[in-house]
Amino acid sequence: MGDPVIQQKWELPPIRPLICEYRLLRLRYPGCGKLVLVGLPAGVSGSAFGPKLEAHIATLAGVFRLSRRQVAEVVREMFQIEILHGRCGRHDHADERHPRGPVGAFARGDPPGRSHPR
C-alpha cells in the first residue's frame, strides 16, 4: 500500500446578518412641552449599516467598481440583506434606511462628492 492521499476542501460558513435594534424614547419637557428624542448609546452611529457592512459596500462599489444595482444584488445574495439602490428624488425627504456618509450617498444615488441635506 502507498501513502494516504489527503484532500482538503475549504468552505465558507453560512453568513447571517446580525441585526441590533435600538429603541429610542421620545420624551416631552414638562415646562415647554417640546418633544425630544433620546440619542443612541455612545459608539453607535445613526447609520442603518454597521461598519463591516459599510466596508463591504464601499469595497464592492469603489474597488470592484460595481454599479448600485450590482452592489445591492451582491449584498442580497451574500448576506441576505436588502439595500435600496434606487435614486431618491432631489426634493424627497431623506429616508432613515439611507445612512449618512459615503455609503448613504451611494445608496441614495448621489454623484460622488455631492452632499445630501438632512
N, C-alpha and C. Protein backbone atom coordinates (compact mmCIF):
# COMPACT_ATOMS: atom_id res chain seq x y z
N MET A 1 0.84 -1.19 0.00
CA MET A 1 0.00 0.00 0.00
C MET A 1 0.88 1.24 0.00
N GLY A 2 0.39 2.26 -0.68
CA GLY A 2 1.13 3.50 -0.72
C GLY A 2 0.70 4.45 0.40
N ASP A 3 1.31 5.59 0.42
CA ASP A 3 0.96 6.61 1.41
C ASP A 3 -0.46 7.12 1.15
N PRO A 4 -1.19 7.49 2.23
CA PRO A 4 -2.55 8.01 2.03
C PRO A 4 -2.51 9.37 1.31
N VAL A 5 -3.54 9.61 0.56
CA VAL A 5 -3.69 10.89 -0.14
C VAL A 5 -4.69 11.72 0.66
N ILE A 6 -4.30 12.91 0.94
CA ILE A 6 -5.16 13.80 1.73
C ILE A 6 -5.72 14.88 0.81
N GLN A 7 -7.02 15.04 0.87
CA GLN A 7 -7.68 16.10 0.12
C GLN A 7 -8.39 17.01 1.10
N GLN A 8 -8.09 18.30 1.03
CA GLN A 8 -8.77 19.27 1.89
C GLN A 8 -9.71 20.11 1.04
N LYS A 9 -10.85 20.42 1.62
CA LYS A 9 -11.84 21.24 0.94
C LYS A 9 -12.17 22.42 1.84
N TRP A 10 -12.01 23.62 1.30
CA TRP A 10 -12.31 24.84 2.06
C TRP A 10 -13.74 25.26 1.76
N GLU A 11 -14.42 25.72 2.78
CA GLU A 11 -15.79 26.18 2.62
C GLU A 11 -16.04 27.34 3.56
N LEU A 12 -16.87 28.25 3.15
CA LEU A 12 -17.26 29.37 4.00
C LEU A 12 -18.45 28.97 4.86
N PRO A 13 -18.47 29.43 6.11
CA PRO A 13 -19.64 29.15 6.94
C PRO A 13 -20.84 29.98 6.45
N PRO A 14 -22.05 29.55 6.76
CA PRO A 14 -23.21 30.36 6.38
C PRO A 14 -23.11 31.76 6.99
N ILE A 15 -23.46 32.75 6.21
CA ILE A 15 -23.41 34.14 6.68
C ILE A 15 -24.82 34.59 6.96
N ARG A 16 -25.05 35.01 8.18
CA ARG A 16 -26.36 35.52 8.57
C ARG A 16 -26.18 36.92 9.14
N PRO A 17 -27.03 37.85 8.73
CA PRO A 17 -26.88 39.21 9.26
C PRO A 17 -27.20 39.26 10.75
N LEU A 18 -26.48 40.10 11.44
CA LEU A 18 -26.72 40.38 12.86
C LEU A 18 -27.42 41.72 12.93
N ILE A 19 -28.62 41.74 13.43
CA ILE A 19 -29.40 42.97 13.48
C ILE A 19 -29.47 43.44 14.94
N CYS A 20 -28.98 44.64 15.18
CA CYS A 20 -29.06 45.26 16.51
C CYS A 20 -30.16 46.32 16.46
N GLU A 21 -31.12 46.22 17.35
CA GLU A 21 -32.22 47.18 17.38
C GLU A 21 -32.08 48.07 18.60
N TYR A 22 -32.22 49.35 18.38
CA TYR A 22 -32.17 50.32 19.47
C TYR A 22 -33.51 51.04 19.51
N ARG A 23 -34.18 50.99 20.62
CA ARG A 23 -35.45 51.67 20.78
C ARG A 23 -35.20 52.97 21.53
N LEU A 24 -35.49 54.06 20.86
CA LEU A 24 -35.22 55.37 21.42
C LEU A 24 -36.50 55.97 21.99
N LEU A 25 -36.37 56.53 23.16
CA LEU A 25 -37.52 57.15 23.81
C LEU A 25 -37.72 58.57 23.29
N ARG A 26 -38.96 58.95 23.15
CA ARG A 26 -39.33 60.32 22.81
C ARG A 26 -39.96 60.90 24.08
N LEU A 27 -39.31 61.91 24.62
CA LEU A 27 -39.75 62.50 25.89
C LEU A 27 -40.22 63.93 25.67
N ARG A 28 -41.17 64.35 26.49
CA ARG A 28 -41.70 65.71 26.42
C ARG A 28 -41.25 66.48 27.66
N TYR A 29 -40.63 67.65 27.42
CA TYR A 29 -40.25 68.51 28.53
C TYR A 29 -41.53 69.00 29.20
N PRO A 30 -41.61 68.87 30.53
CA PRO A 30 -42.84 69.27 31.21
C PRO A 30 -43.10 70.79 31.15
N GLY A 31 -42.04 71.59 31.15
CA GLY A 31 -42.24 73.03 31.17
C GLY A 31 -42.74 73.61 29.85
N CYS A 32 -42.05 73.25 28.75
CA CYS A 32 -42.39 73.85 27.45
C CYS A 32 -43.17 72.92 26.53
N GLY A 33 -43.20 71.64 26.85
CA GLY A 33 -43.94 70.69 26.03
C GLY A 33 -43.19 70.21 24.80
N LYS A 34 -41.93 70.63 24.64
CA LYS A 34 -41.15 70.24 23.47
C LYS A 34 -40.79 68.75 23.54
N LEU A 35 -40.96 68.06 22.40
CA LEU A 35 -40.59 66.66 22.31
C LEU A 35 -39.12 66.52 21.94
N VAL A 36 -38.41 65.64 22.62
CA VAL A 36 -37.01 65.36 22.27
C VAL A 36 -36.84 63.85 22.15
N LEU A 37 -35.96 63.46 21.27
CA LEU A 37 -35.65 62.05 21.07
C LEU A 37 -34.35 61.75 21.79
N VAL A 38 -34.37 60.77 22.66
CA VAL A 38 -33.17 60.38 23.38
C VAL A 38 -32.20 59.77 22.37
N GLY A 39 -30.92 60.14 22.47
CA GLY A 39 -29.92 59.70 21.50
C GLY A 39 -29.55 58.24 21.62
N LEU A 40 -28.83 57.76 20.62
CA LEU A 40 -28.31 56.40 20.61
C LEU A 40 -27.20 56.26 21.65
N PRO A 41 -26.92 55.05 22.07
CA PRO A 41 -25.81 54.84 23.01
C PRO A 41 -24.48 55.30 22.40
N ALA A 42 -23.55 55.63 23.26
CA ALA A 42 -22.22 56.06 22.80
C ALA A 42 -21.61 54.98 21.92
N GLY A 43 -21.01 55.41 20.82
CA GLY A 43 -20.36 54.49 19.91
C GLY A 43 -21.26 53.88 18.85
N VAL A 44 -22.56 54.19 18.89
CA VAL A 44 -23.50 53.66 17.90
C VAL A 44 -23.85 54.79 16.94
N SER A 45 -23.60 54.59 15.65
CA SER A 45 -23.90 55.63 14.67
C SER A 45 -25.37 55.56 14.27
N GLY A 46 -25.84 56.59 13.63
CA GLY A 46 -27.21 56.64 13.14
C GLY A 46 -27.40 55.93 11.82
N SER A 47 -26.35 55.31 11.31
CA SER A 47 -26.41 54.61 10.03
C SER A 47 -27.25 53.34 10.15
N ALA A 48 -27.89 52.97 9.05
CA ALA A 48 -28.64 51.71 9.02
C ALA A 48 -27.70 50.52 8.89
N PHE A 49 -26.44 50.77 8.54
CA PHE A 49 -25.48 49.71 8.34
C PHE A 49 -24.34 49.82 9.34
N GLY A 50 -23.86 48.68 9.80
CA GLY A 50 -22.71 48.66 10.69
C GLY A 50 -21.43 48.86 9.91
N PRO A 51 -20.32 49.08 10.60
CA PRO A 51 -19.05 49.38 9.92
C PRO A 51 -18.55 48.27 9.00
N LYS A 52 -18.80 47.01 9.33
CA LYS A 52 -18.34 45.91 8.46
C LYS A 52 -19.13 45.86 7.16
N LEU A 53 -20.45 46.04 7.25
CA LEU A 53 -21.27 46.05 6.03
C LEU A 53 -20.94 47.28 5.20
N GLU A 54 -20.74 48.43 5.85
CA GLU A 54 -20.34 49.63 5.11
C GLU A 54 -19.02 49.40 4.36
N ALA A 55 -18.08 48.72 5.01
CA ALA A 55 -16.78 48.45 4.37
C ALA A 55 -16.96 47.53 3.16
N HIS A 56 -17.81 46.52 3.28
CA HIS A 56 -18.06 45.63 2.14
C HIS A 56 -18.71 46.40 0.99
N ILE A 57 -19.69 47.22 1.29
CA ILE A 57 -20.36 48.00 0.25
C ILE A 57 -19.37 48.94 -0.43
N ALA A 58 -18.54 49.60 0.36
CA ALA A 58 -17.55 50.52 -0.20
C ALA A 58 -16.55 49.78 -1.08
N THR A 59 -16.15 48.58 -0.67
CA THR A 59 -15.21 47.79 -1.46
C THR A 59 -15.84 47.37 -2.78
N LEU A 60 -17.08 46.91 -2.73
CA LEU A 60 -17.76 46.48 -3.95
C LEU A 60 -17.91 47.64 -4.94
N ALA A 61 -18.29 48.81 -4.39
CA ALA A 61 -18.52 49.97 -5.27
C ALA A 61 -17.21 50.64 -5.67
N GLY A 62 -16.29 50.79 -4.74
CA GLY A 62 -15.07 51.55 -5.01
C GLY A 62 -13.96 50.75 -5.65
N VAL A 63 -13.64 49.61 -5.08
CA VAL A 63 -12.53 48.80 -5.58
C VAL A 63 -12.96 48.00 -6.81
N PHE A 64 -14.12 47.34 -6.72
CA PHE A 64 -14.57 46.48 -7.81
C PHE A 64 -15.45 47.21 -8.82
N ARG A 65 -15.75 48.49 -8.54
CA ARG A 65 -16.47 49.37 -9.48
C ARG A 65 -17.81 48.80 -9.93
N LEU A 66 -18.54 48.16 -8.99
CA LEU A 66 -19.86 47.64 -9.32
C LEU A 66 -20.88 48.77 -9.28
N SER A 67 -21.91 48.66 -10.07
CA SER A 67 -22.99 49.65 -10.07
C SER A 67 -23.80 49.50 -8.78
N ARG A 68 -24.66 50.49 -8.50
CA ARG A 68 -25.52 50.41 -7.32
C ARG A 68 -26.39 49.15 -7.37
N ARG A 69 -26.92 48.86 -8.53
CA ARG A 69 -27.77 47.67 -8.69
C ARG A 69 -26.95 46.40 -8.44
N GLN A 70 -25.75 46.34 -8.98
CA GLN A 70 -24.90 45.16 -8.78
C GLN A 70 -24.50 45.00 -7.31
N VAL A 71 -24.17 46.10 -6.64
CA VAL A 71 -23.82 46.03 -5.21
C VAL A 71 -25.02 45.52 -4.42
N ALA A 72 -26.21 46.05 -4.70
CA ALA A 72 -27.41 45.60 -3.99
C ALA A 72 -27.64 44.10 -4.20
N GLU A 73 -27.40 43.62 -5.43
CA GLU A 73 -27.57 42.19 -5.73
C GLU A 73 -26.56 41.34 -4.97
N VAL A 74 -25.30 41.77 -4.96
CA VAL A 74 -24.26 41.00 -4.26
C VAL A 74 -24.55 40.97 -2.77
N VAL A 75 -24.92 42.10 -2.18
CA VAL A 75 -25.21 42.15 -0.74
C VAL A 75 -26.41 41.26 -0.42
N ARG A 76 -27.42 41.28 -1.28
CA ARG A 76 -28.60 40.43 -1.07
C ARG A 76 -28.21 38.94 -1.16
N GLU A 77 -27.44 38.58 -2.18
CA GLU A 77 -27.07 37.17 -2.36
C GLU A 77 -26.11 36.66 -1.28
N MET A 78 -25.11 37.48 -0.92
CA MET A 78 -24.09 37.02 0.03
C MET A 78 -24.53 37.11 1.48
N PHE A 79 -25.25 38.20 1.81
CA PHE A 79 -25.55 38.47 3.21
C PHE A 79 -27.03 38.42 3.56
N GLN A 80 -27.89 38.19 2.57
CA GLN A 80 -29.35 38.18 2.78
C GLN A 80 -29.84 39.50 3.36
N ILE A 81 -29.28 40.60 2.86
CA ILE A 81 -29.66 41.94 3.32
C ILE A 81 -30.14 42.73 2.11
N GLU A 82 -31.34 43.27 2.21
CA GLU A 82 -31.89 44.10 1.14
C GLU A 82 -31.46 45.54 1.37
N ILE A 83 -30.80 46.13 0.39
CA ILE A 83 -30.48 47.56 0.46
C ILE A 83 -31.10 48.23 -0.75
N LEU A 84 -31.46 49.47 -0.58
CA LEU A 84 -32.05 50.23 -1.68
C LEU A 84 -30.96 50.67 -2.64
N HIS A 85 -31.22 50.58 -3.92
CA HIS A 85 -30.23 51.05 -4.89
C HIS A 85 -30.81 52.13 -5.80
N GLY A 86 -32.09 52.41 -5.66
CA GLY A 86 -32.72 53.44 -6.50
C GLY A 86 -32.35 54.83 -6.04
N ARG A 87 -32.51 55.76 -6.91
CA ARG A 87 -32.16 57.15 -6.60
C ARG A 87 -33.36 57.84 -5.97
N CYS A 88 -33.14 58.52 -4.86
CA CYS A 88 -34.18 59.34 -4.26
C CYS A 88 -34.28 60.64 -5.04
N GLY A 89 -35.48 61.15 -5.19
CA GLY A 89 -35.63 62.43 -5.87
C GLY A 89 -34.97 63.54 -5.09
N ARG A 90 -34.57 64.57 -5.78
CA ARG A 90 -33.85 65.67 -5.12
C ARG A 90 -34.69 66.35 -4.05
N HIS A 91 -36.00 66.32 -4.21
CA HIS A 91 -36.85 67.02 -3.25
C HIS A 91 -37.48 66.06 -2.24
N ASP A 92 -37.17 64.78 -2.37
CA ASP A 92 -37.69 63.82 -1.41
C ASP A 92 -37.00 64.01 -0.07
N HIS A 93 -37.72 63.68 0.99
CA HIS A 93 -37.10 63.73 2.31
C HIS A 93 -36.18 62.53 2.45
N ALA A 94 -35.12 62.68 3.21
CA ALA A 94 -34.18 61.58 3.41
C ALA A 94 -34.89 60.43 4.11
N ASP A 95 -34.62 59.24 3.68
CA ASP A 95 -35.21 58.03 4.24
C ASP A 95 -34.27 57.51 5.32
N GLU A 96 -34.81 57.06 6.42
CA GLU A 96 -33.98 56.57 7.52
C GLU A 96 -33.18 55.32 7.12
N ARG A 97 -33.61 54.65 6.04
CA ARG A 97 -32.86 53.48 5.59
C ARG A 97 -31.57 53.88 4.91
N HIS A 98 -31.41 55.16 4.58
CA HIS A 98 -30.19 55.63 3.94
C HIS A 98 -29.25 56.20 5.00
N PRO A 99 -28.13 55.56 5.22
CA PRO A 99 -27.19 56.08 6.20
C PRO A 99 -26.51 57.34 5.69
N ARG A 100 -25.84 58.01 6.60
CA ARG A 100 -25.06 59.19 6.22
C ARG A 100 -23.71 58.75 5.70
N GLY A 101 -22.97 59.69 5.15
CA GLY A 101 -21.61 59.41 4.70
C GLY A 101 -21.60 58.81 3.31
N PRO A 102 -20.43 58.25 2.90
CA PRO A 102 -20.27 57.76 1.54
C PRO A 102 -21.22 56.62 1.19
N VAL A 103 -21.49 55.73 2.15
CA VAL A 103 -22.40 54.62 1.86
C VAL A 103 -23.81 55.14 1.64
N GLY A 104 -24.22 56.12 2.44
CA GLY A 104 -25.54 56.72 2.25
C GLY A 104 -25.65 57.42 0.92
N ALA A 105 -24.59 58.13 0.52
CA ALA A 105 -24.59 58.80 -0.78
C ALA A 105 -24.72 57.77 -1.89
N PHE A 106 -24.02 56.66 -1.75
CA PHE A 106 -24.12 55.59 -2.73
C PHE A 106 -25.54 55.04 -2.78
N ALA A 107 -26.12 54.75 -1.61
CA ALA A 107 -27.46 54.17 -1.56
C ALA A 107 -28.50 55.13 -2.13
N ARG A 108 -28.32 56.43 -1.92
CA ARG A 108 -29.26 57.42 -2.45
C ARG A 108 -29.05 57.67 -3.93
N GLY A 109 -27.90 57.28 -4.45
CA GLY A 109 -27.61 57.52 -5.86
C GLY A 109 -26.99 58.88 -6.11
N ASP A 110 -26.49 59.54 -5.05
CA ASP A 110 -25.86 60.84 -5.22
C ASP A 110 -24.56 60.69 -6.00
N PRO A 111 -24.25 61.64 -6.87
CA PRO A 111 -22.95 61.61 -7.54
C PRO A 111 -21.83 61.75 -6.51
N PRO A 112 -20.64 61.20 -6.79
CA PRO A 112 -19.53 61.33 -5.85
C PRO A 112 -19.26 62.79 -5.50
N GLY A 113 -19.03 63.06 -4.22
CA GLY A 113 -18.70 64.41 -3.77
C GLY A 113 -19.90 65.27 -3.48
N ARG A 114 -21.10 64.82 -3.78
CA ARG A 114 -22.31 65.61 -3.51
C ARG A 114 -22.83 65.29 -2.12
N SER A 115 -23.08 66.29 -1.34
CA SER A 115 -23.63 66.04 -0.01
C SER A 115 -25.14 66.10 -0.09
N HIS A 116 -25.79 65.33 0.75
CA HIS A 116 -27.24 65.26 0.77
C HIS A 116 -27.74 65.95 2.03
N PRO A 117 -28.60 66.93 1.92
CA PRO A 117 -29.08 67.62 3.12
C PRO A 117 -29.90 66.70 3.97
N ARG A 118 -29.76 66.84 5.27
CA ARG A 118 -30.52 66.01 6.22
C ARG A 118 -31.58 66.83 6.89
